[in-house]
PDB file of N, CA and C in Angstrom:
ATOM      1  N   MET A   1      29.564  -0.751 -15.461  1.00  0.00           N
ATOM      2  CA  MET A   1      30.608  -0.649 -14.453  1.00  0.00           C
ATOM      3  C   MET A   1      30.211  -1.521 -13.267  1.00  0.00           C
ATOM      4  N   LYS A   2      31.191  -1.829 -12.464  1.00  0.00           N
ATOM      5  CA  LYS A   2      30.989  -2.755 -11.358  1.00  0.00           C
ATOM      6  C   LYS A   2      31.990  -2.429 -10.268  1.00  0.00           C
ATOM      7  N   VAL A   3      31.597  -2.695  -9.024  1.00  0.00           N
ATOM      8  CA  VAL A   3      32.566  -2.490  -7.927  1.00  0.00           C
ATOM      9  C   VAL A   3      33.613  -3.592  -7.993  1.00  0.00           C
ATOM     10  N   LYS A   4      34.818  -3.254  -7.587  1.00  0.00           N
ATOM     11  CA  LYS A   4      35.899  -4.236  -7.613  1.00  0.00           C
ATOM     12  C   LYS A   4      35.629  -5.346  -6.603  1.00  0.00           C
ATOM     13  N   GLU A   5      36.218  -6.488  -6.897  1.00  0.00           N
ATOM     14  CA  GLU A   5      36.093  -7.624  -5.997  1.00  0.00           C
ATOM     15  C   GLU A   5      36.812  -7.337  -4.682  1.00  0.00           C
ATOM     16  N   ASN A   6      36.438  -8.081  -3.668  1.00  0.00           N
ATOM     17  CA  ASN A   6      37.044  -8.042  -2.350  1.00  0.00           C
ATOM     18  C   ASN A   6      36.748  -6.756  -1.564  1.00  0.00           C
ATOM     19  N   PHE A   7      35.631  -6.118  -1.897  1.00  0.00           N
ATOM     20  CA  PHE A   7      35.041  -5.065  -1.068  1.00  0.00           C
ATOM     21  C   PHE A   7      33.619  -5.516  -0.765  1.00  0.00           C
ATOM     22  N   VAL A   8      33.247  -5.459   0.489  1.00  0.00           N
ATOM     23  CA  VAL A   8      31.911  -5.892   0.877  1.00  0.00           C
ATOM     24  C   VAL A   8      31.192  -4.777   1.627  1.00  0.00           C
ATOM     25  N   LEU A   9      29.876  -4.767   1.462  1.00  0.00           N
ATOM     26  CA  LEU A   9      29.011  -3.816   2.154  1.00  0.00           C
ATOM     27  C   LEU A   9      28.510  -4.481   3.428  1.00  0.00           C
ATOM     28  N   LYS A  10      28.683  -3.806   4.544  1.00  0.00           N
ATOM     29  CA  LYS A  10      28.211  -4.315   5.835  1.00  0.00           C
ATOM     30  C   LYS A  10      27.338  -3.247   6.497  1.00  0.00           C
ATOM     31  N   LYS A  11      26.282  -3.694   7.166  1.00  0.00           N
ATOM     32  CA  LYS A  11      25.481  -2.789   7.954  1.00  0.00           C
ATOM     33  C   LYS A  11      25.885  -2.978   9.431  1.00  0.00           C
ATOM     34  N   ILE A  12      26.441  -1.929   9.986  1.00  0.00           N
ATOM     35  CA  ILE A  12      26.975  -1.999  11.347  1.00  0.00           C
ATOM     36  C   ILE A  12      26.289  -0.921  12.162  1.00  0.00           C
ATOM     37  N   GLY A  13      25.455  -1.353  13.120  1.00  0.00           N
ATOM     38  CA  GLY A  13      24.780  -0.413  14.010  1.00  0.00           C
ATOM     39  C   GLY A  13      23.974   0.650  13.296  1.00  0.00           C
ATOM     40  N   GLY A  14      23.296   0.296  12.245  1.00  0.00           N
ATOM     41  CA  GLY A  14      22.476   1.244  11.511  1.00  0.00           C
ATOM     42  C   GLY A  14      23.219   2.030  10.442  1.00  0.00           C
ATOM     43  N   SER A  15      24.524   1.830  10.322  1.00  0.00           N
ATOM     44  CA  SER A  15      25.314   2.521   9.293  1.00  0.00           C
ATOM     45  C   SER A  15      25.813   1.509   8.283  1.00  0.00           C
ATOM     46  N   TYR A  16      25.963   1.967   7.043  1.00  0.00           N
ATOM     47  CA  TYR A  16      26.476   1.089   6.000  1.00  0.00           C
ATOM     48  C   TYR A  16      27.954   1.396   5.790  1.00  0.00           C
ATOM     49  N   MET A  17      28.763   0.354   5.752  1.00  0.00           N
ATOM     50  CA  MET A  17      30.205   0.504   5.583  1.00  0.00           C
ATOM     51  C   MET A  17      30.688  -0.427   4.475  1.00  0.00           C
ATOM     52  N   VAL A  18      31.608   0.093   3.659  1.00  0.00           N
ATOM     53  CA  VAL A  18      32.293  -0.755   2.670  1.00  0.00           C
ATOM     54  C   VAL A  18      33.664  -1.059   3.262  1.00  0.00           C
ATOM     55  N   VAL A  19      33.925  -2.347   3.384  1.00  0.00           N
ATOM     56  CA  VAL A  19      35.199  -2.756   3.986  1.00  0.00           C
ATOM     57  C   VAL A  19      35.965  -3.656   3.004  1.00  0.00           C
ATOM     58  N   PRO A  20      37.294  -3.502   2.990  1.00  0.00           N
ATOM     59  CA  PRO A  20      38.110  -4.348   2.157  1.00  0.00           C
ATOM     60  C   PRO A  20      38.293  -5.747   2.796  1.00  0.00           C
ATOM     61  N   VAL A  21      38.346  -6.757   1.983  1.00  0.00           N
ATOM     62  CA  VAL A  21      38.594  -8.119   2.494  1.00  0.00           C
ATOM     63  C   VAL A  21      39.698  -8.770   1.649  1.00  0.00           C
ATOM     64  N   ARG A  22      40.251  -9.820   2.161  1.00  0.00           N
ATOM     65  CA  ARG A  22      41.300 -10.593   1.498  1.00  0.00           C
ATOM     66  C   ARG A  22      42.448  -9.698   1.069  1.00  0.00           C
ATOM     67  N   THR A  23      42.833  -9.766  -0.190  1.00  0.00           N
ATOM     68  CA  THR A  23      44.004  -9.021  -0.654  1.00  0.00           C
ATOM     69  C   THR A  23      43.779  -7.519  -0.621  1.00  0.00           C
ATOM     70  N   ARG A  24      42.531  -7.085  -0.739  1.00  0.00           N
ATOM     71  CA  ARG A  24      42.273  -5.634  -0.707  1.00  0.00           C
ATOM     72  C   ARG A  24      42.548  -5.043   0.673  1.00  0.00           C
ATOM     73  N   ALA A  25      42.455  -5.840   1.713  1.00  0.00           N
ATOM     74  CA  ALA A  25      42.711  -5.339   3.044  1.00  0.00           C
ATOM     75  C   ALA A  25      44.154  -4.860   3.186  1.00  0.00           C
ATOM     76  N   VAL A  26      45.050  -5.427   2.416  1.00  0.00           N
ATOM     77  CA  VAL A  26      46.449  -5.022   2.450  1.00  0.00           C
ATOM     78  C   VAL A  26      46.649  -3.708   1.673  1.00  0.00           C
ATOM     79  N   ASP A  27      45.990  -3.611   0.504  1.00  0.00           N
ATOM     80  CA  ASP A  27      46.170  -2.457  -0.384  1.00  0.00           C
ATOM     81  C   ASP A  27      45.342  -1.242  -0.003  1.00  0.00           C
ATOM     82  N   PHE A  28      44.252  -1.454   0.701  1.00  0.00           N
ATOM     83  CA  PHE A  28      43.300  -0.373   0.973  1.00  0.00           C
ATOM     84  C   PHE A  28      43.150  -0.242   2.477  1.00  0.00           C
ATOM     85  N   SER A  29      43.567   0.869   3.017  1.00  0.00           N
ATOM     86  CA  SER A  29      43.428   1.056   4.449  1.00  0.00           C
ATOM     87  C   SER A  29      42.274   2.022   4.700  1.00  0.00           C
ATOM     88  N   GLY A  30      41.298   1.581   5.440  1.00  0.00           N
ATOM     89  CA  GLY A  30      40.182   2.423   5.768  1.00  0.00           C
ATOM     90  C   GLY A  30      38.855   1.734   5.523  1.00  0.00           C
ATOM     91  N   ILE A  31      37.821   2.461   5.834  1.00  0.00           N
ATOM     92  CA  ILE A  31      36.467   2.020   5.670  1.00  0.00           C
ATOM     93  C   ILE A  31      35.693   3.187   5.046  1.00  0.00           C
ATOM     94  N   ILE A  32      34.786   2.888   4.158  1.00  0.00           N
ATOM     95  CA  ILE A  32      33.971   3.912   3.528  1.00  0.00           C
ATOM     96  C   ILE A  32      32.571   3.809   4.069  1.00  0.00           C
ATOM     97  N   LYS A  33      32.031   4.935   4.569  1.00  0.00           N
ATOM     98  CA  LYS A  33      30.684   4.968   5.081  1.00  0.00           C
ATOM     99  C   LYS A  33      29.740   5.443   4.001  1.00  0.00           C
ATOM    100  N   LEU A  34      28.615   4.737   3.840  1.00  0.00           N
ATOM    101  CA  LEU A  34      27.646   5.090   2.814  1.00  0.00           C
ATOM    102  C   LEU A  34      26.304   5.414   3.454  1.00  0.00           C
ATOM    103  N   SER A  35      25.588   6.301   2.794  1.00  0.00           N
ATOM    104  CA  SER A  35      24.196   6.576   3.200  1.00  0.00           C
ATOM    105  C   SER A  35      23.316   5.416   2.746  1.00  0.00           C
ATOM    106  N   GLU A  36      22.067   5.478   3.123  1.00  0.00           N
ATOM    107  CA  GLU A  36      21.132   4.417   2.695  1.00  0.00           C
ATOM    108  C   GLU A  36      21.039   4.366   1.175  1.00  0.00           C
ATOM    109  N   SER A  37      20.954   5.524   0.530  1.00  0.00           N
ATOM    110  CA  SER A  37      20.875   5.525  -0.942  1.00  0.00           C
ATOM    111  C   SER A  37      22.212   5.088  -1.570  1.00  0.00           C
ATOM    112  N   GLY A  38      23.326   5.431  -0.934  1.00  0.00           N
ATOM    113  CA  GLY A  38      24.627   4.949  -1.403  1.00  0.00           C
ATOM    114  C   GLY A  38      24.732   3.441  -1.333  1.00  0.00           C
ATOM    115  N   ALA A  39      24.224   2.864  -0.226  1.00  0.00           N
ATOM    116  CA  ALA A  39      24.215   1.414  -0.084  1.00  0.00           C
ATOM    117  C   ALA A  39      23.302   0.775  -1.137  1.00  0.00           C
ATOM    118  N   PHE A  40      22.181   1.400  -1.417  1.00  0.00           N
ATOM    119  CA  PHE A  40      21.277   0.940  -2.471  1.00  0.00           C
ATOM    120  C   PHE A  40      21.997   0.877  -3.810  1.00  0.00           C
ATOM    121  N   LEU A  41      22.716   1.953  -4.161  1.00  0.00           N
ATOM    122  CA  LEU A  41      23.476   1.989  -5.423  1.00  0.00           C
ATOM    123  C   LEU A  41      24.599   0.978  -5.422  1.00  0.00           C
ATOM    124  N   TRP A  42      25.292   0.825  -4.298  1.00  0.00           N
ATOM    125  CA  TRP A  42      26.397  -0.140  -4.187  1.00  0.00           C
ATOM    126  C   TRP A  42      25.917  -1.540  -4.506  1.00  0.00           C
ATOM    127  N   LYS A  43      24.756  -1.915  -3.982  1.00  0.00           N
ATOM    128  CA  LYS A  43      24.210  -3.259  -4.225  1.00  0.00           C
ATOM    129  C   LYS A  43      23.924  -3.484  -5.716  1.00  0.00           C
ATOM    130  N   ILE A  44      23.480  -2.424  -6.394  1.00  0.00           N
ATOM    131  CA  ILE A  44      23.244  -2.530  -7.818  1.00  0.00           C
ATOM    132  C   ILE A  44      24.585  -2.667  -8.556  1.00  0.00           C
ATOM    133  N   LEU A  45      25.571  -1.881  -8.151  1.00  0.00           N
ATOM    134  CA  LEU A  45      26.876  -1.918  -8.789  1.00  0.00           C
ATOM    135  C   LEU A  45      27.614  -3.254  -8.558  1.00  0.00           C
ATOM    136  N   GLU A  46      27.295  -3.949  -7.482  1.00  0.00           N
ATOM    137  CA  GLU A  46      27.911  -5.263  -7.260  1.00  0.00           C
ATOM    138  C   GLU A  46      27.575  -6.213  -8.405  1.00  0.00           C
ATOM    139  N   LYS A  47      26.411  -6.057  -8.987  1.00  0.00           N
ATOM    140  CA  LYS A  47      25.970  -6.912 -10.092  1.00  0.00           C
ATOM    141  C   LYS A  47      26.373  -6.357 -11.445  1.00  0.00           C
ATOM    142  N   GLY A  48      26.765  -5.086 -11.469  1.00  0.00           N
ATOM    143  CA  GLY A  48      27.132  -4.433 -12.708  1.00  0.00           C
ATOM    144  C   GLY A  48      25.969  -3.596 -13.235  1.00  0.00           C
ATOM    145  N   ALA A  49      26.223  -2.349 -13.514  1.00  0.00           N
ATOM    146  CA  ALA A  49      25.198  -1.444 -14.034  1.00  0.00           C
ATOM    147  C   ALA A  49      25.841  -0.231 -14.662  1.00  0.00           C
ATOM    148  N   ASP A  50      25.133   0.400 -15.600  1.00  0.00           N
ATOM    149  CA  ASP A  50      25.669   1.645 -16.138  1.00  0.00           C
ATOM    150  C   ASP A  50      24.936   2.805 -15.461  1.00  0.00           C
ATOM    151  N   ARG A  51      25.375   3.997 -15.761  1.00  0.00           N
ATOM    152  CA  ARG A  51      24.839   5.211 -15.141  1.00  0.00           C
ATOM    153  C   ARG A  51      23.333   5.319 -15.332  1.00  0.00           C
ATOM    154  N   GLU A  52      22.856   5.026 -16.549  1.00  0.00           N
ATOM    155  CA  GLU A  52      21.430   5.151 -16.839  1.00  0.00           C
ATOM    156  C   GLU A  52      20.600   4.191 -16.001  1.00  0.00           C
ATOM    157  N   GLU A  53      21.105   2.976 -15.814  1.00  0.00           N
ATOM    158  CA  GLU A  53      20.381   2.031 -14.959  1.00  0.00           C
ATOM    159  C   GLU A  53      20.321   2.516 -13.507  1.00  0.00           C
ATOM    160  N   LEU A  54      21.428   3.056 -13.036  1.00  0.00           N
ATOM    161  CA  LEU A  54      21.450   3.589 -11.656  1.00  0.00           C
ATOM    162  C   LEU A  54      20.412   4.717 -11.497  1.00  0.00           C
ATOM    163  N   ILE A  55      20.353   5.601 -12.497  1.00  0.00           N
ATOM    164  CA  ILE A  55      19.355   6.677 -12.421  1.00  0.00           C
ATOM    165  C   ILE A  55      17.950   6.114 -12.415  1.00  0.00           C
ATOM    166  N   ALA A  56      17.672   5.168 -13.307  1.00  0.00           N
ATOM    167  CA  ALA A  56      16.331   4.575 -13.387  1.00  0.00           C
ATOM    168  C   ALA A  56      15.949   3.928 -12.049  1.00  0.00           C
ATOM    169  N   ARG A  57      16.872   3.203 -11.475  1.00  0.00           N
ATOM    170  CA  ARG A  57      16.572   2.494 -10.211  1.00  0.00           C
ATOM    171  C   ARG A  57      16.347   3.460  -9.080  1.00  0.00           C
ATOM    172  N   ILE A  58      17.121   4.553  -9.008  1.00  0.00           N
ATOM    173  CA  ILE A  58      16.926   5.558  -7.960  1.00  0.00           C
ATOM    174  C   ILE A  58      15.556   6.235  -8.128  1.00  0.00           C
ATOM    175  N   LEU A  59      15.198   6.515  -9.370  1.00  0.00           N
ATOM    176  CA  LEU A  59      13.900   7.125  -9.615  1.00  0.00           C
ATOM    177  C   LEU A  59      12.733   6.235  -9.209  1.00  0.00           C
ATOM    178  N   GLU A  60      12.932   4.915  -9.362  1.00  0.00           N
ATOM    179  CA  GLU A  60      11.900   3.946  -8.921  1.00  0.00           C
ATOM    180  C   GLU A  60      11.806   3.870  -7.400  1.00  0.00           C
ATOM    181  N   GLU A  61      12.945   3.993  -6.735  1.00  0.00           N
ATOM    182  CA  GLU A  61      13.035   3.749  -5.284  1.00  0.00           C
ATOM    183  C   GLU A  61      12.757   4.997  -4.439  1.00  0.00           C
ATOM    184  N   TYR A  62      13.178   6.149  -4.919  1.00  0.00           N
ATOM    185  CA  TYR A  62      13.115   7.392  -4.118  1.00  0.00           C
ATOM    186  C   TYR A  62      12.314   8.462  -4.849  1.00  0.00           C
ATOM    187  N   GLU A  63      11.725   9.355  -4.093  1.00  0.00           N
ATOM    188  CA  GLU A  63      11.025  10.495  -4.668  1.00  0.00           C
ATOM    189  C   GLU A  63      12.009  11.635  -4.919  1.00  0.00           C
ATOM    190  N   VAL A  64      12.556  11.642  -6.135  1.00  0.00           N
ATOM    191  CA  VAL A  64      13.534  12.631  -6.519  1.00  0.00           C
ATOM    192  C   VAL A  64      13.378  12.871  -8.015  1.00  0.00           C
ATOM    193  N   ASP A  65      13.674  14.081  -8.469  1.00  0.00           N
ATOM    194  CA  ASP A  65      13.587  14.358  -9.893  1.00  0.00           C
ATOM    195  C   ASP A  65      14.828  13.830 -10.598  1.00  0.00           C
ATOM    196  N   GLU A  66      14.724  13.649 -11.901  1.00  0.00           N
ATOM    197  CA  GLU A  66      15.798  13.022 -12.679  1.00  0.00           C
ATOM    198  C   GLU A  66      17.087  13.844 -12.644  1.00  0.00           C
ATOM    199  N   ALA A  67      16.988  15.140 -12.706  1.00  0.00           N
ATOM    200  CA  ALA A  67      18.198  15.993 -12.718  1.00  0.00           C
ATOM    201  C   ALA A  67      18.965  15.861 -11.392  1.00  0.00           C
ATOM    202  N   THR A  68      18.247  15.853 -10.281  1.00  0.00           N
ATOM    203  CA  THR A  68      18.888  15.686  -8.973  1.00  0.00           C
ATOM    204  C   THR A  68      19.483  14.306  -8.830  1.00  0.00           C
ATOM    205  N   ALA A  69      18.745  13.274  -9.287  1.00  0.00           N
ATOM    206  CA  ALA A  69      19.244  11.909  -9.223  1.00  0.00           C
ATOM    207  C   ALA A  69      20.534  11.778 -10.032  1.00  0.00           C
ATOM    208  N   ALA A  70      20.528  12.327 -11.221  1.00  0.00           N
ATOM    209  CA  ALA A  70      21.710  12.209 -12.107  1.00  0.00           C
ATOM    210  C   ALA A  70      22.919  12.912 -11.484  1.00  0.00           C
ATOM    211  N   ALA A  71      22.704  14.111 -10.937  1.00  0.00           N
ATOM    212  CA  ALA A  71      23.808  14.844 -10.306  1.00  0.00           C
ATOM    213  C   ALA A  71      24.358  14.074  -9.102  1.00  0.00           C
ATOM    214  N   ASP A  72      23.460  13.549  -8.256  1.00  0.00           N
ATOM    215  CA  ASP A  72      23.881  12.808  -7.084  1.00  0.00           C
ATOM    216  C   ASP A  72      24.645  11.530  -7.463  1.00  0.00           C
ATOM    217  N   ILE A  73      24.151  10.849  -8.477  1.00  0.00           N
ATOM    218  CA  ILE A  73      24.823   9.620  -8.911  1.00  0.00           C
ATOM    219  C   ILE A  73      26.188   9.944  -9.498  1.00  0.00           C
ATOM    220  N   ASP A  74      26.293  11.023 -10.247  1.00  0.00           N
ATOM    221  CA  ASP A  74      27.586  11.423 -10.807  1.00  0.00           C
ATOM    222  C   ASP A  74      28.591  11.687  -9.687  1.00  0.00           C
ATOM    223  N   ARG A  75      28.178  12.357  -8.620  1.00  0.00           N
ATOM    224  CA  ARG A  75      29.068  12.602  -7.466  1.00  0.00           C
ATOM    225  C   ARG A  75      29.460  11.301  -6.791  1.00  0.00           C
ATOM    226  N   PHE A  76      28.472  10.415  -6.618  1.00  0.00           N
ATOM    227  CA  PHE A  76      28.737   9.114  -5.992  1.00  0.00           C
ATOM    228  C   PHE A  76      29.752   8.320  -6.804  1.00  0.00           C
ATOM    229  N   LEU A  77      29.537   8.244  -8.101  1.00  0.00           N
ATOM    230  CA  LEU A  77      30.465   7.492  -8.965  1.00  0.00           C
ATOM    231  C   LEU A  77      31.842   8.121  -8.985  1.00  0.00           C
ATOM    232  N   MET A  78      31.916   9.440  -8.972  1.00  0.00           N
ATOM    233  CA  MET A  78      33.201  10.138  -8.942  1.00  0.00           C
ATOM    234  C   MET A  78      33.978   9.751  -7.646  1.00  0.00           C
ATOM    235  N   ARG A  79      33.281   9.724  -6.535  1.00  0.00           N
ATOM    236  CA  ARG A  79      33.946   9.362  -5.260  1.00  0.00           C
ATOM    237  C   ARG A  79      34.414   7.901  -5.287  1.00  0.00           C
ATOM    238  N   LEU A  80      33.610   7.021  -5.872  1.00  0.00           N
ATOM    239  CA  LEU A  80      34.031   5.618  -5.973  1.00  0.00           C
ATOM    240  C   LEU A  80      35.252   5.497  -6.889  1.00  0.00           C
ATOM    241  N   ARG A  81      35.264   6.245  -7.956  1.00  0.00           N
ATOM    242  CA  ARG A  81      36.432   6.230  -8.873  1.00  0.00           C
ATOM    243  C   ARG A  81      37.677   6.766  -8.179  1.00  0.00           C
ATOM    244  N   GLU A  82      37.511   7.861  -7.453  1.00  0.00           N
ATOM    245  CA  GLU A  82      38.636   8.465  -6.733  1.00  0.00           C
ATOM    246  C   GLU A  82      39.229   7.500  -5.710  1.00  0.00           C
ATOM    247  N   ALA A  83      38.366   6.678  -5.110  1.00  0.00           N
ATOM    248  CA  ALA A  83      38.827   5.680  -4.119  1.00  0.00           C
ATOM    249  C   ALA A  83      39.265   4.385  -4.836  1.00  0.00           C
ATOM    250  N   ASP A  84      39.223   4.345  -6.145  1.00  0.00           N
ATOM    251  CA  ASP A  84      39.598   3.189  -6.944  1.00  0.00           C
ATOM    252  C   ASP A  84      38.776   1.955  -6.589  1.00  0.00           C
ATOM    253  N   LEU A  85      37.462   2.147  -6.484  1.00  0.00           N
ATOM    254  CA  LEU A  85      36.587   1.044  -6.108  1.00  0.00           C
ATOM    255  C   LEU A  85      35.779   0.480  -7.285  1.00  0.00           C
ATOM    256  N   LEU A  86      35.923   1.056  -8.481  1.00  0.00           N
ATOM    257  CA  LEU A  86      35.160   0.601  -9.640  1.00  0.00           C
ATOM    258  C   LEU A  86      36.085  -0.051 -10.664  1.00  0.00           C
ATOM    259  N   GLU A  87      35.567  -1.089 -11.314  1.00  0.00           N
ATOM    260  CA  GLU A  87      36.288  -1.707 -12.438  1.00  0.00           C
ATOM    261  C   GLU A  87      36.029  -0.934 -13.682  1.00  0.00           C
TER     262      GLU A  87
END
C-alpha cells in the first residue's frame, strides 16, 4: 500500500502535518496532524509498504511489543483509509 499522490508531510513548529497539494487541495479540505510515530510510518508508506513491513520497521525504531505495534498500525491504517489517503 502507498499514500496517494499530492499529499505531503510537513513539520510545522514541532508538529507533523499532512497537507493536500495541487489537485488534492480542491478535493480535500483540512490538515491531518500526525504523531512522531505516525510521521515515521507515513514516510515509509510514501515509498510503498505492506502491514508486515510497517510492523517490522516500528519494532526496529521503537521499544514496543509486536502485539501493541500491530494494533497501533491497524488503527493508523484504518484512519488513513477512512480519510481516503491510501492507494
